[in-house]
Amino acid sequence: MKSLFILVDSIINIYIWVIIINVILSWLITFNVLNTQNRFVYLLMDSSYKLTSPLLDRIRKFIPNLGSIDISPVVLILLLVFIRNILFEFFAPNIF
């Protein structure tokens, strides 16, 4: 069971980093620092978008429009940290 909790924690941490990479790449593309004509940049952006888009789109349905500010990645990261803390709070003391 301990291995399962470590695996879940690692998956959540990796997904949080994918969200952060997606946000940073979108900023860099918006400010024309990176060009999507570059195949590597396009591949990286497309992969991170496909991984994060389903959950971010669901969150965007519930969050009111704040103009050009998108806070859905922040909400998703906070939600993932909350889920990870709940898992370890309720199930981990019995295992560790």
Protein backbone atom coordinates (compact mmCIF):
# COMPACT_ATOMS: atom_id res chain seq x y z
CA MET A 1 0.00 0.00 0.00
CA LYS A 2 2.85 2.36 0.72
CA SER A 3 4.04 1.99 -2.87
CA LEU A 4 0.59 2.88 -4.17
CA PHE A 5 0.52 6.14 -2.21
CA ILE A 6 4.00 7.04 -3.41
CA LEU A 7 2.88 6.33 -6.99
CA VAL A 8 -0.25 8.49 -6.65
CA ASP A 9 1.80 11.28 -5.10
CA SER A 10 4.33 11.10 -7.94
CA ILE A 11 1.61 11.17 -10.60
CA ILE A 12 0.00 14.21 -9.02
CA ASN A 13 3.38 15.97 -8.80
CA ILE A 14 4.16 15.23 -12.45
CA TYR A 15 0.74 16.48 -13.51
CA ILE A 16 1.24 19.70 -11.55
CA TRP A 17 4.52 20.23 -13.41
CA VAL A 18 2.79 19.58 -16.75
CA ILE A 19 0.26 22.30 -15.87
CA ILE A 20 3.06 24.72 -14.98
CA ILE A 21 4.91 23.93 -18.22
CA ASN A 22 1.70 24.46 -20.19
CA VAL A 23 1.15 27.88 -18.60
CA ILE A 24 4.74 29.00 -19.16
CA LEU A 25 4.73 27.83 -22.77
CA SER A 26 1.46 29.61 -23.47
CA TRP A 27 2.90 32.84 -22.03
CA LEU A 28 6.08 32.51 -24.10
CA ILE A 29 4.08 31.87 -27.26
CA THR A 30 1.73 34.78 -26.52
CA PHE A 31 4.66 37.19 -26.09
CA ASN A 32 6.36 35.86 -29.26
CA VAL A 33 9.37 34.53 -27.40
CA LEU A 34 8.74 31.05 -28.82
CA ASN A 35 7.50 30.32 -32.29
CA THR A 36 5.06 27.47 -32.91
CA GLN A 37 6.66 26.95 -36.32
CA ASN A 38 9.45 25.21 -34.45
CA ARG A 39 8.54 21.53 -34.43
CA PHE A 40 9.82 20.86 -30.90
CA VAL A 41 7.91 23.82 -29.44
CA TYR A 42 4.77 22.73 -31.26
CA LEU A 43 5.14 19.14 -30.05
CA LEU A 44 5.73 20.24 -26.46
CA MET A 45 2.79 22.67 -26.49
CA ASP A 46 0.47 20.18 -28.16
CA SER A 47 1.35 17.43 -25.69
CA SER A 48 0.89 19.63 -22.64
CA TYR A 49 -2.36 21.01 -24.06
CA LYS A 50 -3.78 17.53 -24.65
CA LEU A 51 -2.85 16.47 -21.12
CA THR A 52 -4.26 19.51 -19.34
CA SER A 53 -7.15 20.61 -21.55
CA PRO A 54 -9.86 18.18 -20.34
CA LEU A 55 -9.60 19.22 -16.69
CA LEU A 56 -8.97 22.90 -17.36
CA ASP A 57 -12.00 23.10 -19.67
CA ARG A 58 -14.23 21.65 -16.95
CA ILE A 59 -12.95 24.19 -14.43
CA ARG A 60 -13.41 27.07 -16.90
CA LYS A 61 -17.13 26.23 -17.11
CA PHE A 62 -17.58 27.08 -13.43
CA ILE A 63 -15.20 30.04 -13.05
CA PRO A 64 -16.56 33.42 -14.13
CA ASN A 65 -14.81 35.21 -16.98
CA LEU A 66 -12.14 37.56 -15.63
CA GLY A 67 -11.22 39.08 -18.98
CA SER A 68 -7.81 38.03 -20.21
CA ILE A 69 -6.80 36.43 -16.89
CA ASP A 70 -7.19 32.66 -16.76
CA ILE A 71 -7.04 31.35 -13.19
CA SER A 72 -8.12 27.80 -14.03
CA PRO A 73 -4.54 26.41 -13.81
CA VAL A 74 -4.20 27.86 -10.31
CA VAL A 75 -7.53 26.35 -9.29
CA LEU A 76 -6.52 22.97 -10.72
CA ILE A 77 -3.17 22.99 -8.94
CA LEU A 78 -4.83 23.90 -5.65
CA LEU A 79 -7.38 21.14 -6.18
CA LEU A 80 -4.67 18.57 -6.89
CA VAL A 81 -2.70 19.58 -3.79
CA PHE A 82 -5.91 19.36 -1.74
CA ILE A 83 -6.66 15.86 -3.09
CA ARG A 84 -3.11 14.73 -2.38
CA ASN A 85 -3.29 16.09 1.18
CA ILE A 86 -6.64 14.41 1.80
CA LEU A 87 -5.31 11.07 0.55
CA PHE A 88 -2.34 11.21 2.86
CA GLU A 89 -4.31 12.55 5.78
CA PHE A 90 -6.96 9.86 5.80
CA PHE A 91 -5.22 6.79 4.40
CA ALA A 92 -1.50 7.19 4.96
CA PRO A 93 -1.36 7.18 8.79
CA ASN A 94 -2.61 3.60 8.74
CA ILE A 95 0.08 2.55 6.29
CA PHE A 96 3.21 4.44 7.38
